[in-house]
C-alpha cells in the first residue's frame, strides 16, 4: 500500500512540475510573440488612435465648411440670376 502512495506522490510531483514548466513556457512564448508583434507594428507606418481621431476631426470640420460654402455659392448664384432677370441684362 505504501508503494502505491509513493507512486501517486511521484505522479503528483511530476504533474506539478510539468504544469509549472508549461506555465513558464507559455509566458515565454507570449513574451516572444508580443515583442515580435510590437516590432512588426513599429515597422509598419501606422498612425496612432490620437492622430487618426485628430485628422478625422479636421476632415469633418472641412466637410462642414465646404457644405456651408456650397450653400452660400448657390444662394449667390440664385440672387445674381434674379438680379440679372430683374434688370434685363443678357449675357
N, C-alpha and C. Protein backbone atom coordinates (compact mmCIF):
# COMPACT_ATOMS: atom_id res chain seq x y z
N UNK A 1 0.82 -1.19 0.00
CA UNK A 1 0.00 0.00 0.00
C UNK A 1 0.86 1.26 0.00
N UNK A 2 1.99 1.16 0.72
CA UNK A 2 2.87 2.32 0.81
C UNK A 2 3.51 2.63 -0.54
N UNK A 3 3.79 1.61 -1.35
CA UNK A 3 4.38 1.86 -2.67
C UNK A 3 3.38 2.55 -3.59
N UNK A 4 2.10 2.24 -3.43
CA UNK A 4 1.09 2.92 -4.24
C UNK A 4 1.03 4.39 -3.86
N UNK A 5 1.11 4.68 -2.55
CA UNK A 5 1.08 6.08 -2.11
C UNK A 5 2.30 6.82 -2.66
N UNK A 6 3.47 6.17 -2.62
CA UNK A 6 4.67 6.79 -3.17
C UNK A 6 4.55 7.01 -4.65
N UNK A 7 3.96 6.04 -5.33
CA UNK A 7 3.77 6.17 -6.77
C UNK A 7 2.84 7.35 -7.09
N UNK A 8 1.75 7.45 -6.33
CA UNK A 8 0.84 8.57 -6.54
C UNK A 8 1.51 9.90 -6.20
N UNK A 9 2.31 9.92 -5.14
CA UNK A 9 3.05 11.15 -4.78
C UNK A 9 4.01 11.53 -5.89
N UNK A 10 4.71 10.55 -6.44
CA UNK A 10 5.64 10.83 -7.53
C UNK A 10 4.91 11.35 -8.77
N UNK A 11 3.77 10.75 -9.08
CA UNK A 11 2.99 11.19 -10.23
C UNK A 11 2.48 12.62 -9.99
N UNK A 12 2.04 12.90 -8.78
CA UNK A 12 1.55 14.25 -8.46
C UNK A 12 2.68 15.26 -8.58
N UNK A 13 3.88 14.93 -8.09
CA UNK A 13 5.03 15.84 -8.21
C UNK A 13 5.39 16.06 -9.67
N UNK A 14 5.36 14.99 -10.45
CA UNK A 14 5.67 15.08 -11.87
C UNK A 14 4.64 15.97 -12.58
N UNK A 15 3.37 15.79 -12.25
CA UNK A 15 2.31 16.60 -12.86
C UNK A 15 2.47 18.07 -12.47
N UNK A 16 2.79 18.33 -11.22
CA UNK A 16 3.00 19.71 -10.77
C UNK A 16 4.20 20.34 -11.48
N UNK A 17 5.25 19.59 -11.61
CA UNK A 17 6.43 20.09 -12.31
C UNK A 17 6.13 20.38 -13.77
N UNK A 18 5.37 19.49 -14.42
CA UNK A 18 5.01 19.70 -15.82
C UNK A 18 4.11 20.92 -15.96
N UNK A 19 3.19 21.10 -15.02
CA UNK A 19 2.30 22.26 -15.08
C UNK A 19 3.10 23.54 -14.91
N UNK A 20 4.06 23.55 -14.00
CA UNK A 20 4.91 24.73 -13.81
C UNK A 20 5.74 25.02 -15.04
N UNK A 21 6.27 23.96 -15.65
CA UNK A 21 7.07 24.12 -16.87
C UNK A 21 6.21 24.67 -17.99
N UNK A 22 5.00 24.13 -18.15
CA UNK A 22 4.09 24.58 -19.21
C UNK A 22 3.71 26.04 -19.00
N UNK A 23 3.48 26.42 -17.76
CA UNK A 23 3.12 27.80 -17.46
C UNK A 23 4.28 28.74 -17.80
N UNK A 24 5.48 28.35 -17.42
CA UNK A 24 6.66 29.16 -17.74
C UNK A 24 6.90 29.24 -19.23
N UNK A 25 6.70 28.12 -19.92
CA UNK A 25 6.87 28.09 -21.36
C UNK A 25 5.83 28.98 -22.05
N UNK A 26 4.60 28.93 -21.56
CA UNK A 26 3.54 29.77 -22.12
C UNK A 26 3.89 31.25 -21.96
N UNK A 27 4.35 31.64 -20.79
CA UNK A 27 4.73 33.03 -20.56
C UNK A 27 5.87 33.45 -21.47
N UNK A 28 6.82 32.57 -21.67
CA UNK A 28 7.96 32.86 -22.54
C UNK A 28 7.51 33.06 -23.99
N UNK A 29 6.64 32.16 -24.45
CA UNK A 29 6.13 32.26 -25.83
C UNK A 29 5.30 33.54 -25.98
N UNK A 30 4.46 33.85 -25.02
CA UNK A 30 3.66 35.07 -25.08
C UNK A 30 4.56 36.30 -25.16
N UNK A 31 5.62 36.31 -24.37
CA UNK A 31 6.56 37.43 -24.39
C UNK A 31 7.23 37.57 -25.75
N UNK A 32 7.66 36.45 -26.32
CA UNK A 32 8.31 36.49 -27.63
C UNK A 32 7.35 36.96 -28.72
N UNK A 33 6.12 36.46 -28.69
CA UNK A 33 5.12 36.86 -29.69
C UNK A 33 4.80 38.35 -29.55
N UNK A 34 4.65 38.82 -28.32
CA UNK A 34 4.35 40.24 -28.10
C UNK A 34 5.49 41.11 -28.60
N UNK A 35 6.72 40.74 -28.31
CA UNK A 35 7.86 41.52 -28.79
C UNK A 35 7.91 41.55 -30.31
N UNK A 36 7.65 40.42 -30.93
CA UNK A 36 7.70 40.36 -32.40
C UNK A 36 6.59 41.21 -33.01
N UNK A 37 5.39 41.12 -32.44
CA UNK A 37 4.28 41.94 -32.94
C UNK A 37 4.56 43.43 -32.76
N UNK A 38 5.10 43.80 -31.60
CA UNK A 38 5.45 45.20 -31.37
C UNK A 38 6.45 45.68 -32.41
N UNK A 39 7.44 44.86 -32.72
CA UNK A 39 8.45 45.23 -33.71
C UNK A 39 7.82 45.35 -35.10
N UNK A 40 6.97 44.39 -35.47
CA UNK A 40 6.31 44.44 -36.79
C UNK A 40 5.41 45.67 -36.92
N UNK A 41 4.64 45.94 -35.88
CA UNK A 41 3.75 47.10 -35.94
C UNK A 41 4.55 48.40 -35.96
N UNK A 42 5.69 48.42 -35.30
CA UNK A 42 6.55 49.59 -35.31
C UNK A 42 7.14 49.85 -36.69
N UNK A 43 7.41 48.78 -37.43
CA UNK A 43 7.98 48.91 -38.77
C UNK A 43 6.93 49.31 -39.81
N UNK A 44 5.66 49.01 -39.55
CA UNK A 44 4.60 49.38 -40.49
C UNK A 44 4.26 50.85 -40.25
N UNK A 45 4.13 51.64 -41.16
CA UNK A 45 3.93 53.07 -40.98
C UNK A 45 2.49 53.36 -40.54
N UNK A 46 2.12 52.93 -39.33
CA UNK A 46 0.76 53.10 -38.82
C UNK A 46 0.65 54.37 -37.99
N UNK A 47 -0.56 54.92 -37.93
CA UNK A 47 -0.79 56.09 -37.09
C UNK A 47 -1.44 55.67 -35.79
N UNK A 48 -1.27 56.50 -34.80
CA UNK A 48 -1.88 56.20 -33.51
C UNK A 48 -3.36 56.58 -33.54
N UNK A 49 -4.11 56.10 -32.60
CA UNK A 49 -5.54 56.41 -32.50
C UNK A 49 -5.74 57.92 -32.36
N UNK A 50 -4.87 58.58 -31.56
CA UNK A 50 -4.99 60.02 -31.35
C UNK A 50 -4.78 60.79 -32.66
N UNK A 51 -3.77 60.38 -33.43
CA UNK A 51 -3.52 61.04 -34.72
C UNK A 51 -4.70 60.83 -35.67
N UNK A 52 -5.21 59.63 -35.70
CA UNK A 52 -6.35 59.32 -36.58
C UNK A 52 -7.56 60.16 -36.20
N UNK A 53 -7.86 60.22 -34.90
CA UNK A 53 -9.01 60.99 -34.45
C UNK A 53 -8.85 62.48 -34.77
N UNK A 54 -7.63 63.01 -34.62
CA UNK A 54 -7.37 64.42 -34.92
C UNK A 54 -7.61 64.70 -36.40
N UNK A 55 -7.11 63.86 -37.27
CA UNK A 55 -7.29 64.05 -38.71
C UNK A 55 -8.77 63.89 -39.08
N UNK A 56 -9.43 62.95 -38.44
CA UNK A 56 -10.87 62.75 -38.69
C UNK A 56 -11.66 64.00 -38.31
N UNK A 57 -11.32 64.61 -37.18
CA UNK A 57 -12.00 65.84 -36.76
C UNK A 57 -11.74 66.98 -37.74
N UNK A 58 -10.49 67.11 -38.21
CA UNK A 58 -10.17 68.15 -39.19
C UNK A 58 -10.94 67.92 -40.48
N UNK A 59 -11.03 66.69 -40.93
CA UNK A 59 -11.76 66.37 -42.16
C UNK A 59 -13.25 66.68 -42.00
N UNK A 60 -13.81 66.37 -40.84
CA UNK A 60 -15.23 66.65 -40.60
C UNK A 60 -15.48 68.16 -40.61
N UNK A 61 -14.59 68.93 -40.00
CA UNK A 61 -14.73 70.38 -39.99
C UNK A 61 -14.60 70.94 -41.41
N UNK A 62 -13.68 70.41 -42.19
CA UNK A 62 -13.51 70.86 -43.58
C UNK A 62 -14.74 70.53 -44.40
N UNK A 63 -15.33 69.38 -44.15
CA UNK A 63 -16.54 68.97 -44.87
C UNK A 63 -17.70 69.93 -44.56
N UNK A 64 -17.86 70.29 -43.28
CA UNK A 64 -18.91 71.23 -42.89
C UNK A 64 -18.69 72.59 -43.55
N UNK A 65 -17.46 73.05 -43.56
CA UNK A 65 -17.13 74.34 -44.19
C UNK A 65 -17.41 74.29 -45.70
N UNK A 66 -17.07 73.19 -46.33
CA UNK A 66 -17.33 73.03 -47.77
C UNK A 66 -18.82 73.06 -48.05
N UNK A 67 -19.61 72.38 -47.23
CA UNK A 67 -21.06 72.38 -47.42
C UNK A 67 -21.63 73.79 -47.22
N UNK A 68 -21.12 74.51 -46.24
CA UNK A 68 -21.56 75.89 -45.98
C UNK A 68 -21.23 76.79 -47.18
N UNK A 69 -20.02 76.66 -47.70
CA UNK A 69 -19.62 77.47 -48.84
C UNK A 69 -20.42 77.11 -50.09
N UNK A 70 -20.72 75.84 -50.28
CA UNK A 70 -21.53 75.42 -51.42
C UNK A 70 -22.92 76.05 -51.35
N UNK A 71 -23.50 76.06 -50.16
CA UNK A 71 -24.82 76.68 -49.97
C UNK A 71 -24.75 78.18 -50.24
N UNK A 72 -23.71 78.85 -49.73
CA UNK A 72 -23.56 80.29 -49.98
C UNK A 72 -23.42 80.58 -51.47
N UNK A 73 -22.65 79.75 -52.17
CA UNK A 73 -22.46 79.93 -53.60
C UNK A 73 -23.78 79.75 -54.35
N UNK A 74 -24.56 78.76 -53.97
CA UNK A 74 -25.86 78.54 -54.60
C UNK A 74 -26.78 79.73 -54.34
N UNK A 75 -26.78 80.24 -53.11
CA UNK A 75 -27.59 81.42 -52.78
C UNK A 75 -27.17 82.63 -53.61
N UNK A 76 -25.87 82.85 -53.72
CA UNK A 76 -25.37 83.97 -54.51
C UNK A 76 -25.72 83.82 -55.99
N UNK A 77 -25.63 82.60 -56.50
CA UNK A 77 -25.98 82.36 -57.90
C UNK A 77 -27.46 82.63 -58.13
N UNK A 78 -28.30 82.24 -57.17
CA UNK A 78 -29.74 82.50 -57.28
C UNK A 78 -30.02 83.99 -57.25
N UNK A 79 -29.37 84.70 -56.32
CA UNK A 79 -29.57 86.15 -56.22
C UNK A 79 -29.08 86.86 -57.48
N UNK A 80 -27.94 86.44 -58.02
CA UNK A 80 -27.40 87.04 -59.23
C UNK A 80 -28.33 86.82 -60.42
N UNK A 81 -28.84 85.60 -60.51
CA UNK A 81 -29.78 85.29 -61.60
C UNK A 81 -31.04 86.14 -61.48
N UNK A 82 -31.52 86.32 -60.26
CA UNK A 82 -32.71 87.14 -60.04
C UNK A 82 -32.42 88.60 -60.36
N UNK A 83 -31.24 89.08 -59.98
CA UNK A 83 -30.88 90.48 -60.25
C UNK A 83 -30.73 90.72 -61.74
N UNK A 84 -30.14 89.78 -62.45
CA UNK A 84 -29.96 89.91 -63.90
C UNK A 84 -31.31 89.87 -64.61
N UNK A 85 -32.19 89.04 -64.11
CA UNK A 85 -33.52 88.92 -64.71
C UNK A 85 -34.32 90.21 -64.47
N UNK A 86 -34.17 90.77 -63.29
CA UNK A 86 -34.90 92.00 -62.95
C UNK A 86 -34.36 93.21 -63.69
N UNK A 87 -33.07 93.24 -63.99
CA UNK A 87 -32.50 94.41 -64.67
C UNK A 87 -32.53 94.27 -66.17
N UNK A 88 -32.89 93.08 -66.66
CA UNK A 88 -32.99 92.87 -68.09
C UNK A 88 -31.65 92.64 -68.77
N UNK A 89 -30.60 92.35 -68.02
CA UNK A 89 -29.30 92.12 -68.64
C UNK A 89 -29.26 90.71 -69.24
N UNK A 90 -28.62 90.60 -70.36
CA UNK A 90 -28.46 89.32 -71.03
C UNK A 90 -26.98 89.09 -71.21
N UNK A 91 -26.56 87.91 -70.98
CA UNK A 91 -25.12 87.61 -71.14
C UNK A 91 -24.81 87.17 -72.51
